Protein backbone atom coordinates (compact mmCIF):
# COMPACT_ATOMS: atom_id res chain seq x y z
CA MET A 1 157.65 -25.68 -196.10
CA ARG A 2 156.18 -22.94 -198.24
CA TRP A 3 153.25 -22.27 -195.90
CA ILE A 4 155.63 -21.49 -193.06
CA ILE A 5 157.54 -18.92 -195.12
CA THR A 6 154.28 -17.34 -196.29
CA THR A 7 152.99 -17.18 -192.72
CA ILE A 8 156.18 -15.57 -191.45
CA VAL A 9 156.06 -12.96 -194.23
CA ALA A 10 152.46 -12.14 -193.33
CA LEU A 11 153.30 -11.87 -189.65
CA VAL A 12 156.35 -9.69 -190.21
CA ALA A 13 154.23 -7.43 -192.41
CA GLY A 14 151.69 -7.12 -189.61
CA PHE A 15 148.97 -9.07 -191.38
CA ALA A 16 146.06 -9.57 -188.93
CA GLY A 17 148.36 -9.10 -185.94
CA ALA A 18 147.98 -11.43 -183.00
CA ALA A 19 145.02 -13.20 -184.59
CA ALA A 20 147.26 -14.29 -187.46
CA TRP A 21 149.78 -15.59 -184.94
CA ASP A 22 147.16 -17.86 -183.37
CA TYR A 23 145.41 -18.80 -186.58
CA SER A 24 148.62 -19.64 -188.43
CA GLY A 25 149.88 -22.02 -185.81
CA PHE A 26 153.11 -20.03 -185.59
CA GLY A 27 153.02 -20.43 -181.82
CA SER A 28 152.44 -24.15 -182.03
CA ASP A 29 154.95 -26.81 -181.03
CA ARG A 30 154.99 -28.00 -184.62
CA MET A 31 155.96 -24.58 -185.99
CA ARG A 32 158.68 -24.13 -183.39
CA ALA A 33 160.05 -27.57 -184.16
CA ASP A 34 160.04 -26.86 -187.89
CA LEU A 35 161.89 -23.57 -187.43
CA ILE A 36 164.49 -25.20 -185.20
CA ALA A 37 164.98 -27.95 -187.78
CA GLN A 38 165.13 -25.48 -190.69
CA PRO A 39 166.58 -22.19 -189.36
CA ASP A 40 167.16 -20.91 -192.90
CA TRP A 41 163.40 -20.46 -193.36
CA LEU A 42 163.31 -17.27 -191.29
CA PRO A 43 166.00 -15.42 -193.32
CA GLU A 44 164.25 -16.57 -196.51
CA ALA A 45 160.97 -15.16 -195.23
CA MET A 46 162.65 -11.87 -194.32
CA ASN A 47 164.17 -11.67 -197.81
CA GLU A 48 160.74 -12.19 -199.35
CA TYR A 49 159.26 -9.54 -197.10
CA GLN A 50 161.97 -7.06 -198.10
CA ALA A 51 161.35 -7.88 -201.77
CA LEU A 52 157.64 -7.15 -201.30
CA GLN A 53 158.48 -3.86 -199.61
CA MET A 54 160.78 -2.89 -202.48
CA ALA A 55 158.16 -3.68 -205.12
CA GLU A 56 155.54 -1.64 -203.27
CA GLN A 57 157.99 1.25 -202.91
CA ILE A 58 158.93 1.28 -206.58
CA ALA A 59 155.49 0.78 -208.14
CA PRO A 60 154.01 4.30 -207.66
CA LEU A 61 157.30 5.94 -208.71
CA ARG A 62 158.24 3.70 -211.64
CA ALA A 63 157.07 5.96 -214.46
CA GLU A 64 158.85 8.98 -212.98
CA LEU A 65 161.99 7.02 -212.11
CA GLU A 66 162.35 5.57 -215.58
CA ALA A 67 161.62 8.81 -217.48
CA PRO A 68 165.07 10.34 -218.07
CA TYR A 69 166.07 13.95 -218.24
CA PRO A 70 166.26 14.31 -222.05
CA GLY A 71 169.65 13.09 -223.19
CA ALA A 72 170.83 11.82 -219.78
CA VAL A 73 170.82 8.21 -220.95
CA LEU A 74 173.52 5.61 -221.53
CA GLY A 75 173.16 2.49 -223.63
CA ASN A 76 170.11 2.00 -225.84
CA PRO A 77 167.73 5.00 -225.52
CA GLU A 78 164.90 2.78 -226.76
CA GLY A 79 165.89 -0.24 -224.68
CA ALA A 80 163.19 -2.50 -223.29
CA ILE A 81 164.98 -2.89 -219.96
CA THR A 82 165.61 0.22 -217.86
CA LEU A 83 168.33 0.50 -215.24
CA VAL A 84 168.12 3.69 -213.18
CA GLU A 85 171.37 4.84 -211.60
CA PHE A 86 171.58 7.51 -208.89
CA SER A 87 175.09 8.91 -209.13
CA ASP A 88 177.31 11.63 -207.66
CA TYR A 89 180.53 12.79 -209.35
CA ALA A 90 182.19 13.12 -205.93
CA CYS A 91 181.53 9.44 -205.22
CA GLY A 92 184.52 7.13 -205.58
CA TYR A 93 182.26 4.09 -205.67
CA CYS A 94 180.31 5.63 -208.57
CA ARG A 95 183.59 6.06 -210.43
CA GLN A 96 184.44 2.44 -209.68
CA THR A 97 181.02 1.31 -210.94
CA LEU A 98 181.35 3.09 -214.29
CA ALA A 99 183.24 0.14 -215.78
CA ASP A 100 180.54 -2.24 -214.53
CA VAL A 101 177.77 -0.19 -216.14
CA ASN A 102 179.66 0.04 -219.43
CA ALA A 103 180.22 -3.74 -219.39
CA LEU A 104 176.51 -4.32 -218.78
CA ILE A 105 175.60 -2.02 -221.67
CA ALA A 106 177.93 -3.96 -223.97
CA ALA A 107 176.42 -7.28 -222.84
CA ASN A 108 172.78 -6.14 -223.02
CA PRO A 109 171.81 -4.40 -226.28
CA ASP A 110 168.29 -3.82 -224.93
CA LEU A 111 169.51 -1.96 -221.82
CA LYS A 112 168.66 1.70 -221.27
CA VAL A 113 170.53 3.32 -218.37
CA VAL A 114 168.77 6.37 -216.96
CA VAL A 115 171.30 8.40 -214.98
CA ARG A 116 169.82 10.50 -212.20
CA GLU A 117 172.21 13.14 -210.96
CA TYR A 118 172.11 12.83 -207.18
CA PRO A 119 174.48 15.50 -205.82
CA ILE A 120 174.51 14.78 -202.10
CA LEU A 121 178.20 14.63 -201.19
CA SER A 122 179.58 18.12 -201.81
CA ALA A 123 178.95 21.54 -203.32
CA GLY A 124 181.11 20.43 -206.22
CA SER A 125 178.74 17.52 -206.75
CA ALA A 126 175.93 19.94 -207.58
CA ASP A 127 178.15 21.99 -209.90
CA ALA A 128 179.12 18.85 -211.81
CA ALA A 129 175.51 17.66 -211.92
CA ARG A 130 174.38 20.94 -213.46
CA MET A 131 177.09 20.69 -216.11
CA ALA A 132 176.07 17.08 -216.81
CA LEU A 133 172.50 18.19 -217.53
CA ALA A 134 173.79 21.03 -219.69
CA ALA A 135 175.85 18.45 -221.58
CA ALA A 136 172.71 16.34 -221.99
CA ASP A 137 170.95 19.33 -223.55
CA GLN A 138 173.77 19.50 -226.09
CA GLY A 139 173.82 15.75 -226.82
CA ARG A 140 177.17 15.33 -225.01
CA PHE A 141 176.05 13.62 -221.82
CA GLU A 142 177.88 10.31 -222.20
CA GLU A 143 181.09 12.09 -223.18
CA PHE A 144 180.88 14.40 -220.16
CA HIS A 145 179.88 11.56 -217.81
CA ASN A 146 182.94 9.53 -218.76
CA ALA A 147 185.27 12.54 -218.77
CA MET A 148 184.02 13.70 -215.37
CA PHE A 149 184.72 10.35 -213.76
CA ALA A 150 188.23 10.49 -215.24
CA GLN A 151 188.84 13.57 -213.06
CA ASP A 152 190.01 13.38 -209.45
CA GLY A 153 186.80 15.00 -208.25
CA PRO A 154 184.28 17.73 -209.02
CA SER A 155 186.47 20.82 -208.68
CA MET A 156 185.58 23.74 -210.94
CA ASP A 157 188.77 23.16 -212.93
CA GLY A 158 187.94 19.47 -213.25
CA ILE A 159 184.37 20.19 -214.36
CA THR A 160 185.59 22.66 -216.97
CA ALA A 161 188.22 20.23 -218.20
CA ALA A 162 185.67 17.41 -218.49
CA ALA A 163 183.17 19.62 -220.30
CA THR A 164 185.84 20.83 -222.71
CA ALA A 165 186.99 17.27 -223.39
CA ALA A 166 183.37 16.26 -224.01
CA GLY A 167 182.85 19.01 -226.56
CA VAL A 168 180.35 20.99 -224.48
CA ASP A 169 179.68 24.60 -225.48
CA LEU A 170 180.75 26.14 -222.19
CA ALA A 171 179.17 29.54 -222.80
CA ALA A 172 175.77 28.02 -223.58
CA ALA A 173 176.05 25.66 -220.63
CA GLN A 174 176.94 28.47 -218.24
CA THR A 175 174.02 30.56 -219.46
CA ALA A 176 171.60 27.71 -218.77
CA ILE A 177 173.16 27.00 -215.36
CA GLU A 178 173.02 30.65 -214.27
CA ALA A 179 169.37 30.81 -215.36
CA GLY A 180 168.61 28.02 -212.90
CA GLN A 181 167.46 25.72 -215.68
CA TYR A 182 168.45 22.51 -213.88
CA GLU A 183 167.45 23.19 -210.29
CA SER A 184 164.01 21.59 -210.46
CA GLN A 185 165.44 18.43 -212.00
CA LEU A 186 168.10 18.10 -209.30
CA GLN A 187 165.57 18.79 -206.55
CA ASN A 188 163.28 16.12 -207.99
CA ASN A 189 166.13 13.60 -208.13
CA VAL A 190 166.88 14.23 -204.46
CA PHE A 191 163.18 13.89 -203.65
CA LEU A 192 163.03 10.55 -205.48
CA GLY A 193 166.14 9.29 -203.71
CA GLN A 194 164.80 10.26 -200.31
CA THR A 195 161.40 8.74 -201.08
CA MET A 196 163.16 5.52 -202.09
CA ARG A 197 165.22 5.73 -198.87
CA LEU A 198 168.44 5.31 -200.77
CA SER A 199 171.41 4.93 -198.46
CA GLY A 200 173.83 6.81 -200.72
CA THR A 201 175.48 6.47 -204.10
CA PRO A 202 175.64 4.64 -206.32
CA ALA A 203 172.15 3.18 -206.13
CA PHE A 204 170.35 1.27 -208.85
CA VAL A 205 166.69 0.55 -209.54
CA VAL A 206 165.79 -2.18 -212.02
CA GLY A 207 162.56 -4.11 -212.19
CA ASN A 208 161.35 -4.46 -208.61
CA GLN A 209 164.79 -4.25 -207.05
CA VAL A 210 166.81 -1.49 -205.41
CA LEU A 211 170.55 -2.15 -205.21
CA ASN A 212 172.52 0.13 -202.90
CA GLY A 213 176.25 0.59 -203.33
CA ALA A 214 178.91 -0.71 -205.69
CA VAL A 215 177.41 -4.20 -205.85
CA GLY A 216 179.28 -5.20 -209.02
CA ALA A 217 178.35 -6.08 -212.58
CA GLU A 218 177.35 -9.65 -211.73
CA ARG A 219 174.74 -8.62 -209.15
CA ILE A 220 173.31 -5.87 -211.34
CA GLY A 221 173.29 -8.30 -214.27
CA GLU A 222 171.25 -10.77 -212.22
CA ALA A 223 168.71 -8.06 -211.45
CA ILE A 224 168.54 -7.10 -215.13
CA ALA A 225 167.92 -10.74 -216.09
CA GLU A 226 165.16 -11.02 -213.48
CA ALA A 227 163.53 -7.82 -214.76
CA ARG A 228 163.67 -9.15 -218.31
CA ASP A 229 162.04 -12.43 -217.29
CA SER A 230 159.32 -10.86 -215.16
């Protein structure tokens, strides 16, 4: 019954506390009998509660989350649907997810993928993230992004090789990096990730959903479809 699920969500969220417990009839024999007969109602209510939490978490940050660092975009830069990806070049699961993201871009012409460099795994992660933003400044972000994930990891040699393969002007990039041009952007990305309580990388935000981990193209595609329909 829908009223039971709604009541459970309200109770879990702390709505009216003990008074809600009594008023709702949650403690009644009828409610207990219904929950015993339909044990799947409680997980459904918890899922709805988590969805409400996610939506409330995303809402005040949406504009900032979906505004890319200039050039750090994959897919359609003017796309109506925005998928935000928090990524680290030292993350094997991020490398694994690259093919999923590319497949989703091919299947969704209206998809804009905002990549947020989230260098949390190693010192090399931050070095690669800075070079990625330098590549974005030069209009070579996608090329560097793909080339970097073709490397074994974010070593300095690997970063240089990826940047060279992507056609990045290394001297100009190094000048910008040494000037600290990208530090505020990286700090803000980490702040956003911590505020969103992301559990690691990759992590995706689309519509009112946060997807943690390499969840696969099908699951991300479902979230994209739900965002489009909302």
